Amino acid sequence: MQETRLNLLIGNFTNQIKSFLNNPWRKLSFVIIGFLSGYITSDLLSTSLAQAGKWDVPMATTYLIFTEITSMIVYGGSKNGNKIMWADLLNSFKIGLAFGLYLSAMTLAS
């Protein structure tokens, strides 16, 4: 590929984004944001879709498929130890979603 101004601009932009996200504190903050957004999503799903009662089985199936695909991506990936940032965010979202659904179930059971 030729080195045009647009290619240099895009290359510099992606390098700046990579260096921005390589900071461990920023990565931790993104993981926490992913966890909290998963928790909020579980709260929204459990309050809005569970009212009708007919969405319980399709949502449980969708959640199971999402969890298994996410686990295959995160834990079945490369063996060299390099983790992808979006995989960590997806995993923290999944953990927040599971935590929120379990917490809602425990609240309703008591």
Protein backbone atom coordinates (compact mmCIF):
# COMPACT_ATOMS: atom_id res chain seq x y z
CA MET A 1 0.00 0.00 0.00
CA GLN A 2 1.27 3.48 -0.78
CA GLU A 3 2.07 5.98 1.93
CA THR A 4 -0.46 8.68 1.28
CA ARG A 5 -1.41 11.42 3.70
CA LEU A 6 -4.62 9.62 4.55
CA ASN A 7 -2.77 6.37 5.33
CA LEU A 8 -0.28 8.24 7.52
CA LEU A 9 -3.11 10.06 9.31
CA ILE A 10 -5.00 6.84 10.00
CA GLY A 11 -1.82 5.05 11.07
CA ASN A 12 -0.88 7.83 13.49
CA PHE A 13 -4.42 7.91 14.87
CA THR A 14 -4.49 4.16 15.52
CA ASN A 15 -1.05 4.30 17.15
CA GLN A 16 -2.24 7.06 19.48
CA ILE A 17 -5.35 5.07 20.40
CA LYS A 18 -3.24 1.96 21.10
CA SER A 19 -0.83 3.91 23.30
CA PHE A 20 -3.79 5.53 25.08
CA LEU A 21 -5.36 2.15 25.85
CA ASN A 22 -2.09 0.48 26.90
CA ASN A 23 -2.07 2.41 30.17
CA PRO A 24 -3.08 -0.10 32.89
CA TRP A 25 -5.20 2.44 34.79
CA ARG A 26 -7.22 3.27 31.71
CA LYS A 27 -7.63 -0.41 30.99
CA LEU A 28 -8.87 -0.98 34.54
CA SER A 29 -11.33 1.89 34.23
CA PHE A 30 -12.68 0.46 30.96
CA VAL A 31 -13.07 -2.96 32.58
CA ILE A 32 -14.99 -1.41 35.49
CA ILE A 33 -17.19 0.51 33.04
CA GLY A 34 -17.85 -2.77 31.19
CA PHE A 35 -18.80 -4.51 34.44
CA LEU A 36 -21.17 -1.72 35.47
CA SER A 37 -22.78 -1.54 32.04
CA GLY A 38 -23.36 -5.30 32.20
CA TYR A 39 -24.97 -4.88 35.60
CA ILE A 40 -27.23 -2.08 34.34
CA THR A 41 -28.15 -4.15 31.27
CA SER A 42 -29.13 -7.07 33.49
CA ASP A 43 -31.29 -4.79 35.58
CA LEU A 44 -33.00 -3.46 32.47
CA LEU A 45 -33.53 -6.95 31.06
CA SER A 46 -34.86 -8.41 34.29
CA THR A 47 -37.35 -5.58 34.85
CA SER A 48 -38.63 -4.98 31.33
CA LEU A 49 -38.65 -8.37 29.62
CA ALA A 50 -39.63 -10.48 32.61
CA GLN A 51 -42.94 -8.70 33.09
CA ALA A 52 -44.60 -10.40 30.14
CA GLY A 53 -43.45 -13.88 31.14
CA LYS A 54 -43.27 -15.15 27.57
CA TRP A 55 -39.74 -13.77 27.06
CA ASP A 56 -38.13 -15.83 29.82
CA VAL A 57 -37.08 -18.84 27.73
CA PRO A 58 -35.83 -16.90 24.66
CA MET A 59 -33.84 -14.52 26.86
CA ALA A 60 -32.33 -17.38 28.85
CA THR A 61 -31.32 -19.07 25.59
CA THR A 62 -29.86 -15.83 24.23
CA TYR A 63 -27.94 -15.26 27.46
CA LEU A 64 -26.59 -18.81 27.41
CA ILE A 65 -25.40 -18.48 23.81
CA PHE A 66 -23.84 -15.07 24.56
CA THR A 67 -22.05 -16.43 27.61
CA GLU A 68 -20.66 -19.47 25.82
CA ILE A 69 -19.47 -17.51 22.78
CA THR A 70 -17.84 -14.91 25.01
CA SER A 71 -16.09 -17.60 27.04
CA MET A 72 -14.84 -19.28 23.86
CA ILE A 73 -13.45 -15.96 22.60
CA VAL A 74 -11.81 -14.95 25.88
CA TYR A 75 -10.52 -18.25 27.24
CA GLY A 76 -9.97 -20.20 24.03
CA GLY A 77 -7.91 -17.55 22.29
CA SER A 78 -4.20 -17.21 21.78
CA LYS A 79 -1.86 -19.12 24.02
CA ASN A 80 0.92 -16.50 24.05
CA GLY A 81 -0.72 -14.42 26.78
CA ASN A 82 -1.55 -11.34 24.73
CA LYS A 83 -5.12 -10.42 25.50
CA ILE A 84 -7.20 -8.25 23.27
CA MET A 85 -8.73 -5.20 24.92
CA TRP A 86 -12.23 -5.71 23.52
CA ALA A 87 -12.18 -9.32 24.75
CA ASP A 88 -11.50 -8.10 28.29
CA LEU A 89 -14.30 -5.58 27.99
CA LEU A 90 -16.69 -8.22 26.67
CA ASN A 91 -15.72 -10.57 29.50
CA SER A 92 -16.26 -7.89 32.15
CA PHE A 93 -19.64 -7.07 30.56
CA LYS A 94 -20.54 -10.77 30.75
CA ILE A 95 -19.50 -10.96 34.41
CA GLY A 96 -21.53 -7.83 35.24
CA LEU A 97 -24.53 -9.27 33.41
CA ALA A 98 -24.30 -12.56 35.30
CA PHE A 99 -23.80 -10.78 38.63
CA GLY A 100 -26.81 -8.55 38.04
CA LEU A 101 -29.06 -11.45 37.05
CA TYR A 102 -28.02 -13.49 40.09
CA LEU A 103 -28.53 -10.49 42.35
CA SER A 104 -32.00 -9.91 40.91
CA ALA A 105 -32.85 -13.58 41.42
CA MET A 106 -31.70 -13.46 45.04
CA THR A 107 -33.68 -10.29 45.64
CA LEU A 108 -36.85 -11.82 44.23
CA ALA A 109 -36.39 -15.07 46.12
CA SER A 110 -36.18 -13.40 49.53
